[in-house]
Amino acid sequence: MATKLRNNSGLVWSLFAIVVAIGSLIYCASFALDLFANGWERLNVVTDYFGRIIRGGTV
C-alpha cells in the first residue's frame, strides 16, 4: 500500500489562525471589559431611575 505524503500547510495555517484569534482576544479584552463595566453602570442607573419613578419620587 502506498502512503500519501502529509501536507503540513493546513497545520501551519490552523496554528496561525489560533495565534491570531488568541491575539485578538487579548487585544480586545480591555475593550470588552470596559464595555461590560459601562453597561453594568448604566443598568444600575436605569434601574434606580425607574425605581424612583415607580415610588413617585423626584427624578
N, C-alpha and C. Protein backbone atom coordinates (compact mmCIF):
# COMPACT_ATOMS: atom_id res chain seq x y z
N MET A 1 0.83 -1.19 0.00
CA MET A 1 0.00 0.00 0.00
C MET A 1 0.87 1.25 0.00
N ALA A 2 0.52 2.14 -0.86
CA ALA A 2 1.27 3.39 -0.92
C ALA A 2 0.67 4.39 0.07
N THR A 3 1.53 5.12 0.73
CA THR A 3 1.06 6.14 1.66
C THR A 3 1.30 7.52 1.06
N LYS A 4 0.36 8.40 1.31
CA LYS A 4 0.49 9.75 0.77
C LYS A 4 1.33 10.59 1.72
N LEU A 5 2.03 11.55 1.14
CA LEU A 5 2.76 12.50 1.96
C LEU A 5 1.77 13.42 2.65
N ARG A 6 2.04 13.74 3.86
CA ARG A 6 1.14 14.59 4.63
C ARG A 6 1.46 16.05 4.33
N ASN A 7 0.41 16.82 4.08
CA ASN A 7 0.57 18.23 3.76
C ASN A 7 0.56 19.03 5.05
N ASN A 8 1.68 19.69 5.35
CA ASN A 8 1.79 20.44 6.59
C ASN A 8 1.26 21.87 6.49
N SER A 9 0.89 22.32 5.30
CA SER A 9 0.43 23.71 5.18
C SER A 9 -0.90 23.91 5.92
N GLY A 10 -1.75 22.90 5.95
CA GLY A 10 -3.00 23.00 6.70
C GLY A 10 -2.75 23.17 8.18
N LEU A 11 -1.79 22.46 8.70
CA LEU A 11 -1.43 22.57 10.11
C LEU A 11 -0.86 23.95 10.42
N VAL A 12 -0.02 24.45 9.53
CA VAL A 12 0.58 25.77 9.73
C VAL A 12 -0.49 26.85 9.73
N TRP A 13 -1.42 26.79 8.77
CA TRP A 13 -2.48 27.80 8.72
C TRP A 13 -3.42 27.70 9.92
N SER A 14 -3.66 26.49 10.39
CA SER A 14 -4.50 26.32 11.59
C SER A 14 -3.83 26.94 12.81
N LEU A 15 -2.55 26.68 12.97
CA LEU A 15 -1.82 27.27 14.10
C LEU A 15 -1.77 28.80 13.98
N PHE A 16 -1.60 29.31 12.76
CA PHE A 16 -1.60 30.76 12.54
C PHE A 16 -2.96 31.35 12.91
N ALA A 17 -4.04 30.67 12.53
CA ALA A 17 -5.39 31.16 12.86
C ALA A 17 -5.62 31.16 14.36
N ILE A 18 -5.13 30.15 15.06
CA ILE A 18 -5.27 30.09 16.52
C ILE A 18 -4.50 31.22 17.18
N VAL A 19 -3.29 31.48 16.69
CA VAL A 19 -2.48 32.57 17.25
C VAL A 19 -3.15 33.92 17.02
N VAL A 20 -3.70 34.13 15.83
CA VAL A 20 -4.40 35.38 15.54
C VAL A 20 -5.64 35.53 16.42
N ALA A 21 -6.38 34.46 16.62
CA ALA A 21 -7.58 34.50 17.46
C ALA A 21 -7.22 34.82 18.90
N ILE A 22 -6.19 34.20 19.43
CA ILE A 22 -5.76 34.48 20.80
C ILE A 22 -5.27 35.91 20.92
N GLY A 23 -4.52 36.36 19.94
CA GLY A 23 -4.04 37.75 19.94
C GLY A 23 -5.18 38.75 19.91
N SER A 24 -6.19 38.49 19.09
CA SER A 24 -7.32 39.42 19.03
C SER A 24 -8.11 39.40 20.32
N LEU A 25 -8.23 38.24 20.96
CA LEU A 25 -8.92 38.19 22.25
C LEU A 25 -8.17 38.98 23.31
N ILE A 26 -6.86 38.86 23.32
CA ILE A 26 -6.06 39.60 24.29
C ILE A 26 -6.15 41.10 24.01
N TYR A 27 -6.10 41.48 22.74
CA TYR A 27 -6.17 42.89 22.38
C TYR A 27 -7.54 43.49 22.71
N CYS A 28 -8.61 42.74 22.48
CA CYS A 28 -9.96 43.26 22.68
C CYS A 28 -10.47 43.06 24.10
N ALA A 29 -9.73 42.37 24.94
CA ALA A 29 -10.23 42.08 26.29
C ALA A 29 -10.47 43.36 27.08
N SER A 30 -9.58 44.33 26.98
CA SER A 30 -9.77 45.57 27.74
C SER A 30 -11.00 46.32 27.25
N PHE A 31 -11.23 46.32 25.93
CA PHE A 31 -12.41 46.99 25.40
C PHE A 31 -13.68 46.27 25.85
N ALA A 32 -13.66 44.95 25.84
CA ALA A 32 -14.83 44.18 26.24
C ALA A 32 -15.13 44.39 27.73
N LEU A 33 -14.10 44.40 28.55
CA LEU A 33 -14.31 44.62 29.98
C LEU A 33 -14.82 46.03 30.24
N ASP A 34 -14.32 47.01 29.52
CA ASP A 34 -14.79 48.38 29.67
C ASP A 34 -16.24 48.49 29.24
N LEU A 35 -16.60 47.85 28.13
CA LEU A 35 -17.98 47.86 27.67
C LEU A 35 -18.89 47.20 28.69
N PHE A 36 -18.46 46.09 29.26
CA PHE A 36 -19.25 45.40 30.28
C PHE A 36 -19.43 46.28 31.51
N ALA A 37 -18.36 46.94 31.95
CA ALA A 37 -18.44 47.79 33.14
C ALA A 37 -19.37 48.98 32.90
N ASN A 38 -19.25 49.61 31.72
CA ASN A 38 -20.14 50.73 31.41
C ASN A 38 -21.58 50.27 31.30
N GLY A 39 -21.80 49.12 30.71
CA GLY A 39 -23.15 48.58 30.60
C GLY A 39 -23.74 48.28 31.96
N TRP A 40 -22.94 47.73 32.85
CA TRP A 40 -23.41 47.43 34.20
C TRP A 40 -23.74 48.72 34.95
N GLU A 41 -22.90 49.73 34.79
CA GLU A 41 -23.14 51.01 35.44
C GLU A 41 -24.42 51.65 34.90
N ARG A 42 -24.62 51.60 33.61
CA ARG A 42 -25.83 52.16 33.01
C ARG A 42 -27.06 51.40 33.46
N LEU A 43 -26.95 50.09 33.58
CA LEU A 43 -28.08 49.29 34.04
C LEU A 43 -28.47 49.70 35.46
N ASN A 44 -27.49 49.94 36.31
CA ASN A 44 -27.79 50.38 37.67
C ASN A 44 -28.45 51.75 37.67
N VAL A 45 -28.01 52.65 36.80
CA VAL A 45 -28.62 53.98 36.72
C VAL A 45 -30.07 53.88 36.26
N VAL A 46 -30.31 53.04 35.26
CA VAL A 46 -31.67 52.89 34.73
C VAL A 46 -32.60 52.27 35.77
N THR A 47 -32.14 51.24 36.46
CA THR A 47 -33.00 50.63 37.48
C THR A 47 -33.28 51.60 38.61
N ASP A 48 -32.29 52.40 38.98
CA ASP A 48 -32.52 53.41 40.01
C ASP A 48 -33.53 54.45 39.53
N TYR A 49 -33.41 54.87 38.28
CA TYR A 49 -34.31 55.86 37.69
C TYR A 49 -35.75 55.34 37.69
N PHE A 50 -35.96 54.10 37.20
CA PHE A 50 -37.31 53.55 37.17
C PHE A 50 -37.83 53.28 38.57
N GLY A 51 -36.95 52.91 39.49
CA GLY A 51 -37.38 52.71 40.87
C GLY A 51 -37.91 54.01 41.48
N ARG A 52 -37.24 55.12 41.18
CA ARG A 52 -37.71 56.42 41.68
C ARG A 52 -39.03 56.80 41.03
N ILE A 53 -39.20 56.49 39.74
CA ILE A 53 -40.49 56.80 39.07
C ILE A 53 -41.61 55.97 39.69
N ILE A 54 -41.37 54.70 39.93
CA ILE A 54 -42.40 53.83 40.48
C ILE A 54 -42.76 54.26 41.90
N ARG A 55 -41.77 54.65 42.69
CA ARG A 55 -42.03 55.09 44.07
C ARG A 55 -42.65 56.49 44.10
N GLY A 56 -42.61 57.21 42.99
CA GLY A 56 -43.20 58.54 42.95
C GLY A 56 -42.25 59.62 43.41
N GLY A 57 -40.96 59.32 43.46
CA GLY A 57 -40.00 60.31 43.88
C GLY A 57 -39.62 61.25 42.75
N THR A 58 -38.81 62.23 43.05
CA THR A 58 -38.36 63.15 42.02
C THR A 58 -37.28 62.49 41.18
N VAL A 59 -37.21 62.89 39.95
CA VAL A 59 -36.26 62.28 39.03
C VAL A 59 -35.02 63.09 38.94
